[in-house]
Amino acid sequence: MKPDLEVVQIGRSQSFKAWEHGYPYHTVRWHFHPEYEIHHVVATSGHYFVGDFIGTFEPGNLVLTGPNLPHNWVSDVPEGTVVPLRCRVVQFSESFIPDARALLPELSACEDLLNLSRRGVLFSPATAELAAPLLAELVTAQGIRRLEVFIAMLGVLSGAKDTRLLTSTSYLPDPSGFMSTGINEALAYINANLTEPFGEQDLADIAGLSPSTFSRSFRRHTGLALVKYVNRLRINLACQLLMGAEQLKITDVCFSSGFNNISNFNRQFLAQKRMTPSRFRELLEENQSAATAA
């Protein structure tokens, strides 16, 4: 079975993505992405799959996967069980560390670990215990503190002992083969053209499927209908623009994030963020003022 491409959205004002999710969740499937991923299990046990490796996991399982290495964690829980927090995830681009190393040569200490990650690296429980509070803080950390915690986490992982490589030496992921599948090509098109107008027929043509088959396949791959999926990505982009130093007008943010009318933009923003765009910006300004005063 070919893995699905996961489109990772790293904010324009961010060097990496740090987040957490429960179970079930739409990314819990056999998938890959061009980004490195640090994956820490907080709750549940089950089986996990990395390349040609299959193993069992329990709380504390900590793994680093390299670019385009397929992976998945499947929790062994009764059907219908909802787990509020199953794992924490950090994702960063393949170029992030090399680019940063040009200014911070000390980051060369990470090079061996990143090379090993192309086979998947399992860390010991002792290392996972050291990394766990850093990963928890990283999800909510802001500004310079966010970088401090990230560097500290890299230090813990780069100095780790008793690591285990997961895939066999002969296993080589072939992202070009994965990308040839129709839905993955459509997902890549959405990511590259998020602010441009396109419809289900356009994407179905790219995927080489009829509109009805594309709709079913898209929902199965992403867990969302096309419109909801695109709106979610566009609202995330809008939040990045609202957080930017340019201080764009709300109307400009609307059109710059791919929406073609302000009323729909406001409605979608309120539905996803439970506040209006203007209120979102007000809270950002209040937070900035509080940080400055402190």
Protein backbone atom coordinates (compact mmCIF):
# COMPACT_ATOMS: atom_id res chain seq x y z
CA MET A 1 0.00 0.00 0.00
CA LYS A 2 1.40 3.38 -1.00
CA PRO A 3 1.58 6.03 1.72
CA ASP A 4 -0.31 9.31 1.43
CA LEU A 5 1.41 12.66 1.24
CA GLU A 6 0.76 14.85 4.29
CA VAL A 7 0.98 18.56 3.47
CA VAL A 8 2.74 20.15 6.47
CA GLN A 9 1.91 23.83 6.97
CA ILE A 10 4.75 25.64 8.76
CA GLY A 11 3.80 29.26 9.45
CA ARG A 12 5.64 32.08 7.72
CA SER A 13 6.59 33.45 11.13
CA GLN A 14 7.81 30.05 12.37
CA SER A 15 10.98 28.00 11.89
CA PHE A 16 9.21 24.74 12.71
CA LYS A 17 5.80 23.34 13.62
CA ALA A 18 5.05 22.02 17.13
CA TRP A 19 1.62 20.62 17.93
CA GLU A 20 -0.30 17.87 19.68
CA HIS A 21 -3.35 15.78 18.91
CA GLY A 22 -5.64 13.16 20.31
CA TYR A 23 -7.02 9.93 18.88
CA PRO A 24 -8.63 9.27 16.50
CA TYR A 25 -7.15 11.95 14.22
CA HIS A 26 -7.10 12.37 10.43
CA THR A 27 -3.28 12.14 10.13
CA VAL A 28 -3.30 8.73 11.83
CA ARG A 29 -2.72 6.85 8.59
CA TRP A 30 0.19 5.50 6.56
CA HIS A 31 1.76 8.72 5.27
CA PHE A 32 4.95 10.63 4.54
CA HIS A 33 6.13 14.22 4.13
CA PRO A 34 9.38 16.00 3.14
CA GLU A 35 9.87 17.31 6.70
CA TYR A 36 11.73 15.73 9.61
CA GLU A 37 9.36 14.68 12.40
CA ILE A 38 9.88 14.13 16.13
CA HIS A 39 6.98 12.02 17.41
CA HIS A 40 6.38 11.49 21.14
CA VAL A 41 3.55 9.27 22.42
CA VAL A 42 1.90 10.60 25.57
CA ALA A 43 -0.94 8.09 25.95
CA THR A 44 -2.12 4.69 24.60
CA SER A 45 -0.20 1.70 23.28
CA GLY A 46 -0.35 -0.14 19.99
CA HIS A 47 1.68 -0.79 16.84
CA TYR A 48 3.78 1.63 14.85
CA PHE A 49 5.14 1.42 11.33
CA VAL A 50 8.24 3.21 9.99
CA GLY A 51 9.36 2.26 6.50
CA ASP A 52 9.69 -1.54 6.55
CA PHE A 53 9.74 -1.66 10.38
CA ILE A 54 6.80 -2.75 12.55
CA GLY A 55 6.96 -2.51 16.34
CA THR A 56 4.88 -1.94 19.45
CA PHE A 57 4.70 1.34 21.31
CA GLU A 58 3.56 2.57 24.71
CA PRO A 59 3.55 5.98 26.44
CA GLY A 60 7.02 7.52 26.20
CA ASN A 61 7.76 6.16 22.71
CA LEU A 62 10.00 8.80 21.04
CA VAL A 63 10.98 8.53 17.37
CA LEU A 64 12.65 10.80 14.82
CA THR A 65 11.77 10.18 11.18
CA GLY A 66 13.66 11.69 8.25
CA PRO A 67 12.31 13.27 5.05
CA ASN A 68 9.85 11.18 3.02
CA LEU A 69 10.09 8.19 5.38
CA PRO A 70 6.57 6.70 5.66
CA HIS A 71 5.23 6.20 9.18
CA ASN A 72 2.10 5.63 11.26
CA TRP A 73 1.11 4.96 14.90
CA VAL A 74 -2.08 2.95 15.45
CA SER A 75 -3.41 2.86 19.02
CA ASP A 76 -4.95 -0.33 20.36
CA VAL A 77 -8.11 1.08 21.93
CA PRO A 78 -11.76 -0.04 21.84
CA GLU A 79 -13.76 1.27 18.89
CA GLY A 80 -15.35 4.61 19.68
CA THR A 81 -12.76 5.53 22.32
CA VAL A 82 -11.67 9.17 22.24
CA VAL A 83 -8.24 10.08 23.63
CA PRO A 84 -7.88 13.87 24.21
CA LEU A 85 -4.06 13.87 23.98
CA ARG A 86 -2.20 11.00 22.40
CA CYS A 87 1.05 12.51 21.14
CA ARG A 88 3.14 15.61 20.52
CA VAL A 89 4.79 16.29 17.18
CA VAL A 90 7.55 18.61 15.96
CA GLN A 91 8.14 19.02 12.22
CA PHE A 92 10.82 21.04 10.43
CA SER A 93 11.99 21.30 6.84
CA GLU A 94 15.00 19.49 5.41
CA SER A 95 16.73 22.83 4.80
CA PHE A 96 16.09 24.37 8.24
CA ILE A 97 19.12 23.01 10.13
CA PRO A 98 21.60 23.37 7.21
CA ASP A 99 20.48 26.96 6.66
CA ALA A 100 20.67 27.77 10.36
CA ARG A 101 24.09 26.09 10.58
CA ALA A 102 25.50 28.76 8.28
CA LEU A 103 24.95 31.25 11.13
CA LEU A 104 25.21 28.83 14.06
CA PRO A 105 27.99 26.32 13.30
CA GLU A 106 27.37 24.57 16.63
CA LEU A 107 24.33 22.99 15.00
CA SER A 108 26.74 20.71 13.12
CA ALA A 109 26.43 18.48 16.18
CA CYS A 110 22.98 17.47 14.85
CA GLU A 111 24.26 16.27 11.48
CA ASP A 112 24.88 12.63 12.39
CA LEU A 113 21.46 12.33 14.03
CA LEU A 114 19.68 13.84 11.03
CA ASN A 115 21.48 11.44 8.69
CA LEU A 116 20.45 8.48 10.85
CA SER A 117 16.83 9.69 10.90
CA ARG A 118 16.43 8.62 7.28
CA ARG A 119 16.12 5.10 8.69
CA GLY A 120 14.03 6.22 11.67
CA VAL A 121 15.58 6.62 15.14
CA LEU A 122 14.00 5.20 18.30
CA PHE A 123 15.25 6.84 21.50
CA SER A 124 15.62 5.15 24.87
CA PRO A 125 13.05 5.69 27.66
CA ALA A 126 15.68 7.74 29.53
CA THR A 127 16.08 10.14 26.60
CA ALA A 128 12.31 10.31 26.13
CA GLU A 129 11.92 11.28 29.78
CA LEU A 130 14.38 14.17 29.30
CA ALA A 131 12.72 15.32 26.08
CA ALA A 132 9.10 15.07 27.28
CA PRO A 133 8.88 18.36 29.24
CA LEU A 134 10.68 20.22 26.43
CA LEU A 135 8.21 18.90 23.86
CA ALA A 136 5.28 19.84 26.10
CA GLU A 137 6.58 23.40 26.49
CA LEU A 138 7.41 23.71 22.81
CA VAL A 139 3.75 23.36 21.82
CA THR A 140 2.87 26.66 23.51
CA ALA A 141 6.23 28.49 23.65
CA GLN A 142 6.49 31.86 21.91
CA GLY A 143 9.25 34.10 20.57
CA ILE A 144 12.87 33.55 21.58
CA ARG A 145 11.82 31.02 24.22
CA ARG A 146 10.50 28.81 21.42
CA LEU A 147 13.97 28.68 19.84
CA GLU A 148 15.62 28.10 23.22
CA VAL A 149 13.47 25.05 23.89
CA PHE A 150 13.94 23.70 20.35
CA ILE A 151 17.74 23.97 20.62
CA ALA A 152 17.65 22.33 24.06
CA MET A 153 15.60 19.46 22.62
CA LEU A 154 18.07 19.03 19.74
CA GLY A 155 20.83 18.89 22.33
CA VAL A 156 19.09 16.11 24.23
CA LEU A 157 18.44 14.07 21.09
CA SER A 158 21.89 14.60 19.54
CA GLY A 159 23.59 13.45 22.75
CA ALA A 160 21.32 10.45 23.24
CA LYS A 161 22.77 7.00 23.90
CA ASP A 162 21.20 3.60 23.20
CA THR A 163 19.33 4.75 20.08
CA ARG A 164 17.97 2.17 17.68
CA LEU A 165 17.67 2.42 13.89
CA LEU A 166 14.31 1.11 12.72
CA THR A 167 14.30 0.39 8.98
CA SER A 168 16.53 -2.14 7.30
CA THR A 169 19.70 -0.93 5.59
CA SER A 170 18.23 -1.77 2.20
CA TYR A 171 15.05 0.28 2.67
CA LEU A 172 14.96 3.41 0.53
CA PRO A 173 11.80 5.56 0.37
CA ASP A 174 10.85 6.67 -3.13
CA PRO A 175 8.82 9.88 -2.79
CA SER A 176 8.52 10.26 -6.55
CA GLY A 177 6.53 7.03 -6.66
CA PHE A 178 4.30 8.14 -3.80
CA MET A 179 3.70 11.51 -5.43
CA SER A 180 2.49 9.89 -8.62
CA THR A 181 -0.80 8.93 -6.99
CA GLY A 182 -3.66 11.20 -7.98
CA ILE A 183 -4.84 12.37 -4.56
CA ASN A 184 -1.29 13.24 -3.52
CA GLU A 185 -0.85 15.31 -6.68
CA ALA A 186 -4.10 17.13 -5.87
CA LEU A 187 -2.94 17.80 -2.29
CA ALA A 188 0.35 19.18 -3.57
CA TYR A 189 -1.54 21.40 -6.01
CA ILE A 190 -3.74 22.77 -3.21
CA ASN A 191 -0.68 23.57 -1.11
CA ALA A 192 1.08 25.35 -4.00
CA ASN A 193 -2.02 27.26 -5.15
CA LEU A 194 -3.85 27.86 -1.88
CA THR A 195 -4.68 31.51 -2.59
CA GLU A 196 -5.77 30.89 -6.19
CA PRO A 197 -9.30 29.93 -7.33
CA PHE A 198 -9.81 26.23 -8.09
CA GLY A 199 -12.66 23.77 -7.82
CA GLU A 200 -13.32 20.10 -7.33
CA GLN A 201 -13.40 19.51 -11.08
CA ASP A 202 -9.91 21.02 -11.45
CA LEU A 203 -8.52 18.77 -8.74
CA ALA A 204 -10.35 15.71 -10.05
CA ASP A 205 -8.71 16.30 -13.44
CA ILE A 206 -5.29 16.54 -11.77
CA ALA A 207 -5.97 13.30 -9.89
CA GLY A 208 -7.28 11.58 -13.01
CA LEU A 209 -10.58 10.75 -11.31
CA SER A 210 -14.24 11.56 -11.82
CA PRO A 211 -15.53 14.31 -9.48
CA SER A 212 -17.58 11.85 -7.42
CA THR A 213 -14.69 9.38 -7.05
CA PHE A 214 -12.32 12.22 -6.22
CA SER A 215 -14.68 13.53 -3.54
CA ARG A 216 -14.90 10.12 -1.83
CA SER A 217 -11.14 9.50 -2.09
CA PHE A 218 -10.28 12.98 -0.82
CA ARG A 219 -12.48 12.59 2.25
CA ARG A 220 -10.99 9.16 2.95
CA HIS A 221 -7.41 10.49 2.68
CA THR A 222 -7.85 13.73 4.65
CA GLY A 223 -10.86 13.05 6.86
CA LEU A 224 -12.47 16.24 5.52
CA ALA A 225 -14.56 17.38 2.60
CA LEU A 226 -12.60 19.44 0.08
CA VAL A 227 -14.18 22.81 0.97
CA LYS A 228 -13.60 22.31 4.70
CA TYR A 229 -10.00 21.20 4.10
CA VAL A 230 -9.19 24.22 1.92
CA ASN A 231 -10.94 26.64 4.28
CA ARG A 232 -8.93 25.28 7.21
CA LEU A 233 -5.64 25.87 5.36
CA ARG A 234 -6.74 29.35 4.27
CA ILE A 235 -7.76 30.36 7.79
CA ASN A 236 -4.38 29.14 9.07
CA LEU A 237 -2.73 31.34 6.44
CA ALA A 238 -4.97 34.26 7.50
CA CYS A 239 -3.79 33.85 11.10
CA GLN A 240 -0.18 34.01 9.94
CA LEU A 241 -0.94 37.23 8.03
CA LEU A 242 -2.73 38.73 11.05
CA MET A 243 0.32 37.93 13.16
CA GLY A 244 2.70 39.51 10.63
CA ALA A 245 4.53 42.78 11.12
CA GLU A 246 2.86 44.30 8.05
CA GLN A 247 -0.41 44.94 9.95
CA LEU A 248 -2.55 44.28 6.87
CA LYS A 249 -6.14 45.43 6.90
CA ILE A 250 -8.66 42.67 7.60
CA THR A 251 -10.00 43.02 4.05
CA ASP A 252 -6.50 42.57 2.63
CA VAL A 253 -5.96 39.51 4.82
CA CYS A 254 -9.22 38.09 3.49
CA PHE A 255 -8.22 38.30 -0.16
CA SER A 256 -4.54 37.47 0.45
CA SER A 257 -5.52 34.17 2.09
CA GLY A 258 -7.66 33.02 -0.83
CA PHE A 259 -11.20 34.12 0.13
CA ASN A 260 -13.18 36.15 -2.39
CA ASN A 261 -15.64 37.89 -0.05
CA ILE A 262 -15.31 39.30 3.43
CA SER A 263 -18.56 37.88 4.84
CA ASN A 264 -17.56 34.28 4.06
CA PHE A 265 -14.06 34.97 5.43
CA ASN A 266 -15.47 36.29 8.71
CA ARG A 267 -17.91 33.37 8.97
CA GLN A 268 -15.19 30.75 8.37
CA PHE A 269 -12.77 32.47 10.76
CA LEU A 270 -15.37 32.59 13.52
CA ALA A 271 -16.29 28.93 13.00
CA GLN A 272 -12.67 27.75 13.23
CA LYS A 273 -11.16 30.16 15.78
CA ARG A 274 -14.32 31.01 17.78
CA MET A 275 -13.58 34.70 17.42
CA THR A 276 -13.56 37.30 14.67
CA PRO A 277 -10.36 38.27 12.82
CA SER A 278 -10.42 41.69 14.49
CA ARG A 279 -10.72 40.09 17.95
CA PHE A 280 -7.87 37.71 17.08
CA ARG A 281 -5.67 40.71 16.28
CA GLU A 282 -6.77 42.53 19.45
CA LEU A 283 -5.72 39.58 21.59
CA LEU A 284 -2.36 39.41 19.81
CA GLU A 285 -1.79 43.10 20.55
CA GLU A 286 -2.82 42.63 24.19
CA ASN A 287 -0.39 39.72 24.51
CA GLN A 288 2.40 41.77 22.93
CA SER A 289 1.69 44.71 25.24
CA ALA A 290 1.72 42.43 28.28
CA ALA A 291 5.04 40.91 27.20
CA THR A 292 6.54 44.38 26.67
CA ALA A 293 5.35 45.57 30.08
CA ALA A 294 6.84 42.53 31.75
